[in-house]
Amino acid sequence: MALFRACLGKTACVEDGDRCRTCGRQLDEVYATRELIEKLAHFAVSHDYVNYDEFVAYVARKANAKIRYAVEQNNAQTAHSAAREQAHG
């Protein structure tokens, strides 16, 4: 897994072909992240949430749980595959 580096903002983002020279992430990743954030913001505004801070905290908790589960599943599958390969080795 890679270490996530947060952007410092659109004004700090210095594009250099396929990567941001400020945060080092690939531009398609930067743009996809911006799009996700725009969609979340639009969703909260379109639903007229006044407690949008709670909405954002909820989304963060749920996303964290889903990511953790996916990583655990991936690690378990990798360990299972390695054990099968070693047994049949």
Protein backbone atom coordinates (compact mmCIF):
# COMPACT_ATOMS: atom_id res chain seq x y z
CA MET A 1 0.00 0.00 0.00
CA ALA A 2 1.14 3.53 -0.69
CA LEU A 3 1.30 6.41 1.77
CA PHE A 4 -1.32 9.06 1.04
CA ARG A 5 -0.08 12.61 0.89
CA ALA A 6 -2.75 15.27 1.12
CA CYS A 7 -2.80 18.08 -1.38
CA LEU A 8 -2.07 21.53 -0.10
CA GLY A 9 -4.85 22.88 -2.32
CA LYS A 10 -5.41 23.68 -5.97
CA THR A 11 -3.25 26.81 -5.77
CA ALA A 12 -0.32 24.80 -4.39
CA CYS A 13 -0.67 21.96 -6.90
CA VAL A 14 2.12 22.16 -9.43
CA GLU A 15 1.45 19.84 -12.33
CA ASP A 16 4.45 18.31 -14.00
CA GLY A 17 3.13 16.06 -16.76
CA ASP A 18 1.66 13.12 -14.88
CA ARG A 19 2.39 13.98 -11.23
CA CYS A 20 1.89 16.88 -8.87
CA ARG A 21 5.29 18.22 -7.89
CA THR A 22 3.93 19.37 -4.52
CA CYS A 23 2.27 16.20 -3.15
CA GLY A 24 3.84 13.68 -5.57
CA ARG A 25 0.56 11.95 -6.42
CA GLN A 26 -0.37 11.10 -9.99
CA LEU A 27 -2.62 13.71 -11.57
CA ASP A 28 -5.41 11.23 -12.34
CA GLU A 29 -5.50 10.43 -8.61
CA VAL A 30 -5.54 14.14 -7.70
CA TYR A 31 -8.37 14.82 -10.16
CA ALA A 32 -10.37 11.77 -9.04
CA THR A 33 -10.03 12.85 -5.39
CA ARG A 34 -11.20 16.36 -6.26
CA GLU A 35 -14.18 14.90 -8.10
CA LEU A 36 -15.14 12.74 -5.10
CA ILE A 37 -14.96 15.77 -2.81
CA GLU A 38 -17.02 17.88 -5.22
CA LYS A 39 -19.68 15.14 -5.39
CA LEU A 40 -19.82 14.84 -1.60
CA ALA A 41 -20.11 18.60 -1.20
CA HIS A 42 -22.81 18.79 -3.88
CA PHE A 43 -24.71 15.93 -2.22
CA ALA A 44 -24.69 17.65 1.19
CA VAL A 45 -25.70 21.00 -0.28
CA SER A 46 -28.43 19.52 -2.49
CA HIS A 47 -29.91 17.80 0.57
CA ASP A 48 -29.72 21.09 2.44
CA TYR A 49 -27.83 19.61 5.40
CA VAL A 50 -27.20 22.22 8.07
CA ASN A 51 -25.10 19.76 10.08
CA TYR A 52 -22.74 18.99 7.21
CA ASP A 53 -19.89 18.46 9.67
CA GLU A 54 -21.76 15.39 10.96
CA PHE A 55 -22.33 14.22 7.38
CA VAL A 56 -18.61 14.52 6.61
CA ALA A 57 -17.66 12.70 9.83
CA TYR A 58 -20.16 9.93 8.99
CA VAL A 59 -18.77 9.52 5.49
CA ALA A 60 -15.20 9.42 6.84
CA ARG A 61 -16.09 6.74 9.42
CA LYS A 62 -17.93 4.60 6.85
CA ALA A 63 -15.19 4.95 4.23
CA ASN A 64 -12.54 4.07 6.81
CA ALA A 65 -14.47 0.94 7.82
CA LYS A 66 -14.94 -0.15 4.19
CA ILE A 67 -11.28 0.42 3.36
CA ARG A 68 -10.12 -1.43 6.48
CA TYR A 69 -12.37 -4.38 5.61
CA ALA A 70 -11.15 -4.46 1.99
CA VAL A 71 -7.50 -4.38 3.12
CA GLU A 72 -8.12 -7.18 5.63
CA GLN A 73 -9.83 -9.27 2.96
CA ASN A 74 -6.99 -8.65 0.52
CA ASN A 75 -4.41 -9.57 3.15
CA ALA A 76 -6.30 -12.75 4.01
CA GLN A 77 -6.53 -13.75 0.34
CA THR A 78 -2.83 -13.04 -0.16
CA ALA A 79 -1.92 -15.15 2.88
CA HIS A 80 -4.22 -17.95 1.73
CA SER A 81 -2.72 -17.91 -1.78
CA ALA A 82 0.82 -17.93 -0.36
CA ALA A 83 -0.04 -20.89 1.90
CA ARG A 84 -1.55 -22.83 -1.03
CA GLU A 85 1.48 -22.07 -3.19
CA GLN A 86 3.85 -23.19 -0.45
CA ALA A 87 1.87 -26.41 0.12
CA HIS A 88 1.90 -27.23 -3.58
CA GLY A 89 5.28 -25.73 -4.07
